[in-house]
Structures are given as C-alpha cells and as structure tokens.
Amino acid sequence: MSLYGSASAYFSNNLDGGSFIGNYFSTVLNNFVFALPLQLIIIGPLVRYVFQSFVKGKMADALS
C-alpha cells in the first residue's frame, strides 16, 4: 500500500518537491502509525469475534 500511496501522490503532483524514495519511506511510516493501532484495537478483535461466532455455530451444528 505504501507504493500505491507514493505513486498516487506522484501522479497527483503532491510530492512537495521531495524525492520519491523519501516520500515512500514517509508513507510507510504513516501507514505503520495508523494501521497498526487500528489492527490491534478495532479490526483484529472484531474479526476474531465474528470468526469465532461463525465457527462455533458451524461446529455445534456439525456435532449434533
């Protein structure tokens, strides 16, 4: 996704005159800062809950 973010910034002329490599690493850092807490706090537990409820329902039906 960082490559996509850097490429979209490049094509929209939003690189602010910096190098592509510098902007790539800046985008990686921004993605890491925003995506990791989102994954750990919101998305991860939500997906685990939905998956567990789905699998438990299927396992209970299969065992009976």
C-alpha atoms as a PDB file:
ATOM      1  CA  MET A   1       0.000   0.000   0.000  1.00  0.00           C
ATOM      2  CA  SER A   2       2.900   2.359   0.561  1.00  0.00           C
ATOM      3  CA  LEU A   3       3.929   2.046  -3.059  1.00  0.00           C
ATOM      4  CA  TYR A   4       0.348   2.804  -4.106  1.00  0.00           C
ATOM      5  CA  GLY A   5       0.244   5.859  -1.813  1.00  0.00           C
ATOM      6  CA  SER A   6       3.547   7.151  -3.128  1.00  0.00           C
ATOM      7  CA  ALA A   7       2.542   6.535  -6.741  1.00  0.00           C
ATOM      8  CA  SER A   8      -0.815   8.258  -6.325  1.00  0.00           C
ATOM      9  CA  ALA A   9       0.923  11.239  -4.664  1.00  0.00           C
ATOM     10  CA  TYR A  10       3.412  11.324  -7.534  1.00  0.00           C
ATOM     11  CA  PHE A  11       0.740  11.293 -10.220  1.00  0.00           C
ATOM     12  CA  SER A  12      -1.345  13.946  -8.457  1.00  0.00           C
ATOM     13  CA  ASN A  13       1.745  16.204  -8.176  1.00  0.00           C
ATOM     14  CA  ASN A  14       1.526  16.129  -4.394  1.00  0.00           C
ATOM     15  CA  LEU A  15       5.132  15.153  -3.583  1.00  0.00           C
ATOM     16  CA  ASP A  16       6.148  18.676  -2.478  1.00  0.00           C
ATOM     17  CA  GLY A  17       9.383  18.548  -4.473  1.00  0.00           C
ATOM     18  CA  GLY A  18      10.912  15.714  -2.445  1.00  0.00           C
ATOM     19  CA  SER A  19      12.432  12.533  -3.744  1.00  0.00           C
ATOM     20  CA  PHE A  20      10.301   9.514  -4.495  1.00  0.00           C
ATOM     21  CA  ILE A  21      12.318   7.314  -2.100  1.00  0.00           C
ATOM     22  CA  GLY A  22      11.978   9.805   0.757  1.00  0.00           C
ATOM     23  CA  ASN A  23       8.260  10.068   0.203  1.00  0.00           C
ATOM     24  CA  TYR A  24       7.989   6.285   0.035  1.00  0.00           C
ATOM     25  CA  PHE A  25       9.544   5.870   3.484  1.00  0.00           C
ATOM     26  CA  SER A  26       7.402   8.697   4.828  1.00  0.00           C
ATOM     27  CA  THR A  27       4.315   6.901   3.522  1.00  0.00           C
ATOM     28  CA  VAL A  28       5.483   3.610   5.084  1.00  0.00           C
ATOM     29  CA  LEU A  29       5.854   5.346   8.451  1.00  0.00           C
ATOM     30  CA  ASN A  30       2.421   6.961   8.187  1.00  0.00           C
ATOM     31  CA  ASN A  31       0.821   3.650   7.218  1.00  0.00           C
ATOM     32  CA  PHE A  32       2.508   1.890  10.131  1.00  0.00           C
ATOM     33  CA  VAL A  33       1.448   4.548  12.635  1.00  0.00           C
ATOM     34  CA  PHE A  34      -2.192   4.463  11.553  1.00  0.00           C
ATOM     35  CA  ALA A  35      -2.655   0.828  10.558  1.00  0.00           C
ATOM     36  CA  LEU A  36      -1.051  -0.978  13.488  1.00  0.00           C
ATOM     37  CA  PRO A  37      -3.248   0.521  16.255  1.00  0.00           C
ATOM     38  CA  LEU A  38      -6.317   0.118  14.055  1.00  0.00           C
ATOM     39  CA  GLN A  39      -5.477  -3.556  13.547  1.00  0.00           C
ATOM     40  CA  LEU A  40      -4.683  -4.235  17.199  1.00  0.00           C
ATOM     41  CA  ILE A  41      -7.532  -2.287  18.811  1.00  0.00           C
ATOM     42  CA  ILE A  42     -10.500  -2.454  16.420  1.00  0.00           C
ATOM     43  CA  ILE A  43     -10.242  -4.733  13.388  1.00  0.00           C
ATOM     44  CA  GLY A  44      -8.394  -7.696  14.920  1.00  0.00           C
ATOM     45  CA  PRO A  45     -10.776  -8.261  17.856  1.00  0.00           C
ATOM     46  CA  LEU A  46     -13.820  -7.654  15.647  1.00  0.00           C
ATOM     47  CA  VAL A  47     -12.725 -10.225  13.068  1.00  0.00           C
ATOM     48  CA  ARG A  48     -11.817 -12.749  15.789  1.00  0.00           C
ATOM     49  CA  TYR A  49     -15.263 -12.322  17.389  1.00  0.00           C
ATOM     50  CA  VAL A  50     -17.109 -12.714  14.084  1.00  0.00           C
ATOM     51  CA  PHE A  51     -14.990 -15.695  13.046  1.00  0.00           C
ATOM     52  CA  GLN A  52     -15.369 -17.428  16.422  1.00  0.00           C
ATOM     53  CA  SER A  53     -19.137 -16.981  16.442  1.00  0.00           C
ATOM     54  CA  PHE A  54     -19.335 -18.293  12.875  1.00  0.00           C
ATOM     55  CA  VAL A  55     -17.120 -21.315  13.540  1.00  0.00           C
ATOM     56  CA  LYS A  56     -18.775 -22.143  16.875  1.00  0.00           C
ATOM     57  CA  GLY A  57     -22.173 -22.127  15.167  1.00  0.00           C
ATOM     58  CA  LYS A  58     -20.937 -24.446  12.409  1.00  0.00           C
ATOM     59  CA  MET A  59     -19.170 -26.764  14.867  1.00  0.00           C
ATOM     60  CA  ALA A  60     -22.250 -27.030  17.103  1.00  0.00           C
ATOM     61  CA  ASP A  61     -24.392 -27.922  14.078  1.00  0.00           C
ATOM     62  CA  ALA A  62     -21.850 -30.483  12.859  1.00  0.00           C
ATOM     63  CA  LEU A  63     -21.569 -32.204  16.243  1.00  0.00           C
ATOM     64  CA  SER A  64     -25.316 -32.587  16.801  1.00  0.00           C
END
